[in-house]
Amino acid sequence: MKTLNYFLFIGALSLAVACGPGANNSEESATDRIEITENQMDNMESETDTAEQSAMAVLSGANGSEVSGTATFNQTAEGKVKLVLSVNNLSTGKHAVHLHENGDCSAADATSAGGHWNPEGEEHGKRGEGEFHAGDINNLTVGEDGLGSLVMVVDGWSIGDGQDSDILNKAVIIHAEADDFTSQPSGDAGSRVACGVIQEST
């Protein structure tokens, strides 16, 4: 009888050891795995939130011109916006490029786009030198083949955040002449020969 009781006691003790601490360790490991998974999900969501924003304007002629082209805008990791402008069928020489306040190219002369985008009420000028409009860009140089391109990385623009710096629903305007960066309010750049509305890329 003592022998039987001894074996029953050993069996019960073994069962307690197997189900006790072992079960607790298993639960802690599962919890750790859940926490890691949640952290990974948080990181993925954070990466999505900071994904590059982009926008585009498709340019078409104004004032009877046959100019066409595209302007693409991409938010950089540093919070700036990279502009890449490409045009066709534009006369040889330098042409002013600006962002205008209204995303409306419906008028034949593109005056529906309004004046330069200038939320801060600054004087017109050359970007990076003294006062300048938020929509002041630079002159575009066009070759004898009618092709021109301009690449700039612009500080102070944003895409789709609804702030005063947001370029969405503004218009890209190309002018017939070069910007002298001095004359007010628009650099004596002549008529508007191309217009395109900046819209968020999908």
C-alpha atoms as a PDB file:
ATOM      1  CA  MET A   1       0.000   0.000   0.000  1.00  0.00           C
ATOM      2  CA  LYS A   2       2.850   2.347   0.827  1.00  0.00           C
ATOM      3  CA  THR A   3       4.439   1.474  -2.507  1.00  0.00           C
ATOM      4  CA  LEU A   4       1.197   2.317  -4.381  1.00  0.00           C
ATOM      5  CA  ASN A   5       0.839   5.616  -2.526  1.00  0.00           C
ATOM      6  CA  TYR A   6       4.454   6.463  -3.339  1.00  0.00           C
ATOM      7  CA  PHE A   7       3.907   5.910  -7.064  1.00  0.00           C
ATOM      8  CA  LEU A   8       0.641   7.921  -6.998  1.00  0.00           C
ATOM      9  CA  PHE A   9       2.477  10.793  -5.274  1.00  0.00           C
ATOM     10  CA  ILE A  10       5.307  10.761  -7.839  1.00  0.00           C
ATOM     11  CA  GLY A  11       2.767  10.722 -10.712  1.00  0.00           C
ATOM     12  CA  ALA A  12       0.815  13.658  -9.289  1.00  0.00           C
ATOM     13  CA  LEU A  13       4.039  15.632  -8.723  1.00  0.00           C
ATOM     14  CA  SER A  14       5.165  15.015 -12.313  1.00  0.00           C
ATOM     15  CA  LEU A  15       1.790  16.153 -13.687  1.00  0.00           C
ATOM     16  CA  ALA A  16       1.935  19.357 -11.598  1.00  0.00           C
ATOM     17  CA  VAL A  17       5.429  20.170 -12.880  1.00  0.00           C
ATOM     18  CA  ALA A  18       4.426  19.571 -16.496  1.00  0.00           C
ATOM     19  CA  CYS A  19       1.272  21.678 -16.384  1.00  0.00           C
ATOM     20  CA  GLY A  20       2.465  24.400 -13.997  1.00  0.00           C
ATOM     21  CA  PRO A  21       5.503  26.395 -14.989  1.00  0.00           C
ATOM     22  CA  GLY A  22       5.442  24.990 -18.536  1.00  0.00           C
ATOM     23  CA  ALA A  23       1.984  26.439 -19.225  1.00  0.00           C
ATOM     24  CA  ASN A  24       2.967  29.855 -17.837  1.00  0.00           C
ATOM     25  CA  ASN A  25       6.088  30.007 -20.006  1.00  0.00           C
ATOM     26  CA  SER A  26       4.015  29.128 -23.042  1.00  0.00           C
ATOM     27  CA  GLU A  27       1.584  31.983 -22.316  1.00  0.00           C
ATOM     28  CA  GLU A  28       4.434  34.486 -21.864  1.00  0.00           C
ATOM     29  CA  SER A  29       5.988  33.456 -25.187  1.00  0.00           C
ATOM     30  CA  ALA A  30       2.674  33.892 -26.977  1.00  0.00           C
ATOM     31  CA  THR A  31       2.270  37.337 -25.450  1.00  0.00           C
ATOM     32  CA  ASP A  32       5.761  38.294 -26.567  1.00  0.00           C
ATOM     33  CA  ARG A  33       4.971  37.148 -30.103  1.00  0.00           C
ATOM     34  CA  ILE A  34       1.754  39.222 -30.163  1.00  0.00           C
ATOM     35  CA  GLU A  35       3.598  42.325 -28.957  1.00  0.00           C
ATOM     36  CA  ILE A  36       6.242  41.950 -31.666  1.00  0.00           C
ATOM     37  CA  THR A  37       3.568  41.553 -34.315  1.00  0.00           C
ATOM     38  CA  GLU A  38       1.781  44.695 -33.136  1.00  0.00           C
ATOM     39  CA  ASN A  39       5.049  46.662 -33.192  1.00  0.00           C
ATOM     40  CA  GLN A  40       5.715  45.492 -36.721  1.00  0.00           C
ATOM     41  CA  MET A  41       2.226  46.627 -37.756  1.00  0.00           C
ATOM     42  CA  ASP A  42       2.823  50.042 -36.195  1.00  0.00           C
ATOM     43  CA  ASN A  43       6.045  50.391 -38.176  1.00  0.00           C
ATOM     44  CA  MET A  44       4.274  49.424 -41.401  1.00  0.00           C
ATOM     45  CA  GLU A  45       1.538  51.991 -40.772  1.00  0.00           C
ATOM     46  CA  SER A  46       4.180  54.637 -40.055  1.00  0.00           C
ATOM     47  CA  GLU A  47       5.942  53.850 -43.324  1.00  0.00           C
ATOM     48  CA  THR A  48       2.621  54.193 -45.163  1.00  0.00           C
ATOM     49  CA  ASP A  49       1.950  57.571 -43.538  1.00  0.00           C
ATOM     50  CA  THR A  50       5.317  58.895 -44.742  1.00  0.00           C
ATOM     51  CA  ALA A  51       5.028  57.455 -48.246  1.00  0.00           C
ATOM     52  CA  GLU A  52       6.026  59.801 -51.037  1.00  0.00           C
ATOM     53  CA  GLN A  53       3.229  62.101 -52.204  1.00  0.00           C
ATOM     54  CA  SER A  54       3.026  62.979 -55.881  1.00  0.00           C
ATOM     55  CA  ALA A  55       1.040  65.164 -58.248  1.00  0.00           C
ATOM     56  CA  MET A  56       0.926  66.024 -61.940  1.00  0.00           C
ATOM     57  CA  ALA A  57      -0.230  68.759 -64.305  1.00  0.00           C
ATOM     58  CA  VAL A  58      -0.931  68.053 -67.979  1.00  0.00           C
ATOM     59  CA  LEU A  59      -0.125  71.171 -69.980  1.00  0.00           C
ATOM     60  CA  SER A  60      -2.023  72.329 -73.030  1.00  0.00           C
ATOM     61  CA  GLY A  61      -1.779  75.413 -75.218  1.00  0.00           C
ATOM     62  CA  ALA A  62      -3.256  78.822 -74.476  1.00  0.00           C
ATOM     63  CA  ASN A  63      -3.619  81.943 -76.641  1.00  0.00           C
ATOM     64  CA  GLY A  64      -3.591  79.794 -79.774  1.00  0.00           C
ATOM     65  CA  SER A  65      -0.294  78.007 -79.074  1.00  0.00           C
ATOM     66  CA  GLU A  66       0.225  74.285 -79.638  1.00  0.00           C
ATOM     67  CA  VAL A  67       2.344  73.750 -76.552  1.00  0.00           C
ATOM     68  CA  SER A  68       1.942  70.471 -74.693  1.00  0.00           C
ATOM     69  CA  GLY A  69       3.772  68.807 -71.866  1.00  0.00           C
ATOM     70  CA  THR A  70       3.704  67.581 -68.285  1.00  0.00           C
ATOM     71  CA  ALA A  71       4.851  68.788 -64.899  1.00  0.00           C
ATOM     72  CA  THR A  72       5.347  66.148 -62.201  1.00  0.00           C
ATOM     73  CA  PHE A  73       5.787  66.865 -58.500  1.00  0.00           C
ATOM     74  CA  ASN A  74       7.171  64.417 -55.942  1.00  0.00           C
ATOM     75  CA  GLN A  75       7.655  64.929 -52.207  1.00  0.00           C
ATOM     76  CA  THR A  76      11.206  64.075 -51.146  1.00  0.00           C
ATOM     77  CA  ALA A  77      12.287  62.436 -47.898  1.00  0.00           C
ATOM     78  CA  GLU A  78      13.554  65.836 -46.738  1.00  0.00           C
ATOM     79  CA  GLY A  79      10.074  67.361 -47.097  1.00  0.00           C
ATOM     80  CA  LYS A  80      10.859  69.317 -50.265  1.00  0.00           C
ATOM     81  CA  VAL A  81       9.125  68.903 -53.637  1.00  0.00           C
ATOM     82  CA  LYS A  82      10.924  67.872 -56.821  1.00  0.00           C
ATOM     83  CA  LEU A  83       9.515  69.409 -60.005  1.00  0.00           C
ATOM     84  CA  VAL A  84      10.187  67.854 -63.407  1.00  0.00           C
ATOM     85  CA  LEU A  85       8.790  69.875 -66.318  1.00  0.00           C
ATOM     86  CA  SER A  86       8.869  68.719 -69.957  1.00  0.00           C
ATOM     87  CA  VAL A  87       7.314  70.622 -72.885  1.00  0.00           C
ATOM     88  CA  ASN A  88       6.936  70.335 -76.652  1.00  0.00           C
ATOM     89  CA  ASN A  89       6.140  72.787 -79.490  1.00  0.00           C
ATOM     90  CA  LEU A  90       7.393  75.865 -77.637  1.00  0.00           C
ATOM     91  CA  SER A  91       9.353  78.636 -79.360  1.00  0.00           C
ATOM     92  CA  THR A  92      13.135  78.684 -79.004  1.00  0.00           C
ATOM     93  CA  GLY A  93      14.524  80.699 -76.100  1.00  0.00           C
ATOM     94  CA  LYS A  94      13.678  81.302 -72.453  1.00  0.00           C
ATOM     95  CA  HIS A  95      10.154  81.175 -71.033  1.00  0.00           C
ATOM     96  CA  ALA A  96       8.944  82.049 -67.553  1.00  0.00           C
ATOM     97  CA  VAL A  97       7.270  79.301 -65.530  1.00  0.00           C
ATOM     98  CA  HIS A  98       5.045  80.091 -62.531  1.00  0.00           C
ATOM     99  CA  LEU A  99       2.405  78.474 -60.351  1.00  0.00           C
ATOM    100  CA  HIS A 100      -0.821  80.486 -60.431  1.00  0.00           C
ATOM    101  CA  GLU A 101      -3.428  80.656 -57.704  1.00  0.00           C
ATOM    102  CA  ASN A 102      -6.428  79.015 -59.444  1.00  0.00           C
ATOM    103  CA  GLY A 103      -6.490  75.491 -60.791  1.00  0.00           C
ATOM    104  CA  ASP A 104      -8.561  76.642 -63.767  1.00  0.00           C
ATOM    105  CA  CYS A 105      -7.339  76.613 -67.376  1.00  0.00           C
ATOM    106  CA  SER A 106     -10.775  77.038 -68.951  1.00  0.00           C
ATOM    107  CA  ALA A 107     -10.179  80.498 -70.461  1.00  0.00           C
ATOM    108  CA  ALA A 108      -8.623  80.544 -73.933  1.00  0.00           C
ATOM    109  CA  ASP A 109      -5.909  82.882 -72.675  1.00  0.00           C
ATOM    110  CA  ALA A 110      -5.547  81.054 -69.329  1.00  0.00           C
ATOM    111  CA  THR A 111      -6.455  84.183 -67.354  1.00  0.00           C
ATOM    112  CA  SER A 112      -8.884  81.958 -65.422  1.00  0.00           C
ATOM    113  CA  ALA A 113      -5.802  80.720 -63.529  1.00  0.00           C
ATOM    114  CA  GLY A 114      -5.580  84.108 -61.800  1.00  0.00           C
ATOM    115  CA  GLY A 115      -2.360  85.741 -60.693  1.00  0.00           C
ATOM    116  CA  HIS A 116       0.774  84.218 -59.226  1.00  0.00           C
ATOM    117  CA  TRP A 117       0.231  81.952 -56.236  1.00  0.00           C
ATOM    118  CA  ASN A 118       1.354  84.215 -53.399  1.00  0.00           C
ATOM    119  CA  PRO A 119      -0.184  83.262 -50.021  1.00  0.00           C
ATOM    120  CA  GLU A 120       2.415  85.261 -48.069  1.00  0.00           C
ATOM    121  CA  GLY A 121       1.831  88.510 -49.981  1.00  0.00           C
ATOM    122  CA  GLU A 122       5.484  88.836 -51.047  1.00  0.00           C
ATOM    123  CA  GLU A 123       6.934  90.872 -53.927  1.00  0.00           C
ATOM    124  CA  HIS A 124       7.677  89.011 -57.157  1.00  0.00           C
ATOM    125  CA  GLY A 125      11.312  87.977 -57.513  1.00  0.00           C
ATOM    126  CA  LYS A 126      13.757  85.146 -58.096  1.00  0.00           C
ATOM    127  CA  ARG A 127      13.365  82.082 -55.937  1.00  0.00           C
ATOM    128  CA  GLY A 128      16.033  81.930 -53.260  1.00  0.00           C
ATOM    129  CA  GLU A 129      17.019  85.592 -53.588  1.00  0.00           C
ATOM    130  CA  GLY A 130      15.208  88.116 -51.387  1.00  0.00           C
ATOM    131  CA  GLU A 131      11.410  88.217 -51.699  1.00  0.00           C
ATOM    132  CA  PHE A 132       9.582  85.982 -54.146  1.00  0.00           C
ATOM    133  CA  HIS A 133       6.140  84.496 -54.642  1.00  0.00           C
ATOM    134  CA  ALA A 134       5.462  80.914 -53.564  1.00  0.00           C
ATOM    135  CA  GLY A 135       4.635  80.311 -57.237  1.00  0.00           C
ATOM    136  CA  ASP A 136       7.844  81.823 -58.637  1.00  0.00           C
ATOM    137  CA  ILE A 137       9.930  79.081 -60.251  1.00  0.00           C
ATOM    138  CA  ASN A 138      12.504  79.873 -62.961  1.00  0.00           C
ATOM    139  CA  ASN A 139      12.957  80.311 -66.691  1.00  0.00           C
ATOM    140  CA  LEU A 140      12.668  77.311 -68.973  1.00  0.00           C
ATOM    141  CA  THR A 141      15.149  77.082 -71.860  1.00  0.00           C
ATOM    142  CA  VAL A 142      13.795  75.648 -75.123  1.00  0.00           C
ATOM    143  CA  GLY A 143      15.939  74.426 -78.005  1.00  0.00           C
ATOM    144  CA  GLU A 144      15.433  74.805 -81.744  1.00  0.00           C
ATOM    145  CA  ASP A 145      13.536  71.513 -81.751  1.00  0.00           C
ATOM    146  CA  GLY A 146      10.816  73.060 -79.583  1.00  0.00           C
ATOM    147  CA  LEU A 147      11.649  70.850 -76.621  1.00  0.00           C
ATOM    148  CA  GLY A 148      12.415  72.087 -73.143  1.00  0.00           C
ATOM    149  CA  SER A 149      12.853  70.647 -69.668  1.00  0.00           C
ATOM    150  CA  LEU A 150      13.362  71.985 -66.178  1.00  0.00           C
ATOM    151  CA  VAL A 151      14.185  70.131 -62.945  1.00  0.00           C
ATOM    152  CA  MET A 152      14.074  71.840 -59.552  1.00  0.00           C
ATOM    153  CA  VAL A 153      13.882  70.774 -55.912  1.00  0.00           C
ATOM    154  CA  VAL A 154      11.755  73.370 -54.145  1.00  0.00           C
ATOM    155  CA  ASP A 155      11.761  74.102 -50.430  1.00  0.00           C
ATOM    156  CA  GLY A 156       8.490  75.466 -49.036  1.00  0.00           C
ATOM    157  CA  TRP A 157       6.029  73.447 -51.131  1.00  0.00           C
ATOM    158  CA  SER A 158       3.929  70.489 -49.977  1.00  0.00           C
ATOM    159  CA  ILE A 159       1.494  68.096 -51.626  1.00  0.00           C
ATOM    160  CA  GLY A 160      -1.996  67.385 -50.312  1.00  0.00           C
ATOM    161  CA  ASP A 161      -1.657  68.577 -46.716  1.00  0.00           C
ATOM    162  CA  GLY A 162      -4.124  71.471 -47.015  1.00  0.00           C
ATOM    163  CA  GLN A 163      -1.599  74.017 -45.742  1.00  0.00           C
ATOM    164  CA  ASP A 164      -0.709  77.343 -47.368  1.00  0.00           C
ATOM    165  CA  SER A 165       2.237  75.514 -48.944  1.00  0.00           C
ATOM    166  CA  ASP A 166       0.013  72.932 -50.702  1.00  0.00           C
ATOM    167  CA  ILE A 167       0.455  73.022 -54.500  1.00  0.00           C
ATOM    168  CA  LEU A 168      -2.634  70.932 -55.320  1.00  0.00           C
ATOM    169  CA  ASN A 169      -5.283  72.714 -57.403  1.00  0.00           C
ATOM    170  CA  LYS A 170      -2.861  75.401 -58.496  1.00  0.00           C
ATOM    171  CA  ALA A 171      -2.052  75.996 -62.176  1.00  0.00           C
ATOM    172  CA  VAL A 172       1.295  75.655 -63.943  1.00  0.00           C
ATOM    173  CA  ILE A 173       1.638  78.526 -66.425  1.00  0.00           C
ATOM    174  CA  ILE A 174       4.288  78.927 -69.122  1.00  0.00           C
ATOM    175  CA  HIS A 175       4.713  82.420 -70.549  1.00  0.00           C
ATOM    176  CA  ALA A 176       5.727  83.656 -73.991  1.00  0.00           C
ATOM    177  CA  GLU A 177       8.756  85.510 -72.641  1.00  0.00           C
ATOM    178  CA  ALA A 178      11.432  85.158 -69.988  1.00  0.00           C
ATOM    179  CA  ASP A 179      10.936  86.367 -66.404  1.00  0.00           C
ATOM    180  CA  ASP A 180      13.179  89.339 -65.582  1.00  0.00           C
ATOM    181  CA  PHE A 181      12.682  88.585 -61.847  1.00  0.00           C
ATOM    182  CA  THR A 182      12.245  92.295 -61.174  1.00  0.00           C
ATOM    183  CA  SER A 183       9.125  93.761 -62.804  1.00  0.00           C
ATOM    184  CA  GLN A 184       5.984  93.677 -60.686  1.00  0.00           C
ATOM    185  CA  PRO A 185       3.781  91.784 -60.354  1.00  0.00           C
ATOM    186  CA  SER A 186       4.902  89.006 -62.712  1.00  0.00           C
ATOM    187  CA  GLY A 187       8.344  89.635 -64.199  1.00  0.00           C
ATOM    188  CA  ASP A 188       7.175  91.134 -67.534  1.00  0.00           C
ATOM    189  CA  ALA A 189       6.921  87.599 -68.909  1.00  0.00           C
ATOM    190  CA  GLY A 190       4.308  88.235 -71.586  1.00  0.00           C
ATOM    191  CA  SER A 191       1.203  86.245 -72.464  1.00  0.00           C
ATOM    192  CA  ARG A 192       0.354  82.774 -71.201  1.00  0.00           C
ATOM    193  CA  VAL A 193       1.084  80.084 -73.777  1.00  0.00           C
ATOM    194  CA  ALA A 194       0.425  76.919 -71.739  1.00  0.00           C
ATOM    195  CA  CYS A 195      -1.612  75.950 -68.696  1.00  0.00           C
ATOM    196  CA  GLY A 196      -2.135  72.820 -66.608  1.00  0.00           C
ATOM    197  CA  VAL A 197      -3.923  72.096 -63.313  1.00  0.00           C
ATOM    198  CA  ILE A 198      -1.938  70.326 -60.573  1.00  0.00           C
ATOM    199  CA  GLN A 199      -3.809  67.249 -59.405  1.00  0.00           C
ATOM    200  CA  GLU A 200      -2.835  64.472 -57.008  1.00  0.00           C
ATOM    201  CA  SER A 201      -1.463  61.374 -58.727  1.00  0.00           C
ATOM    202  CA  THR A 202      -3.379  58.145 -58.129  1.00  0.00           C
END
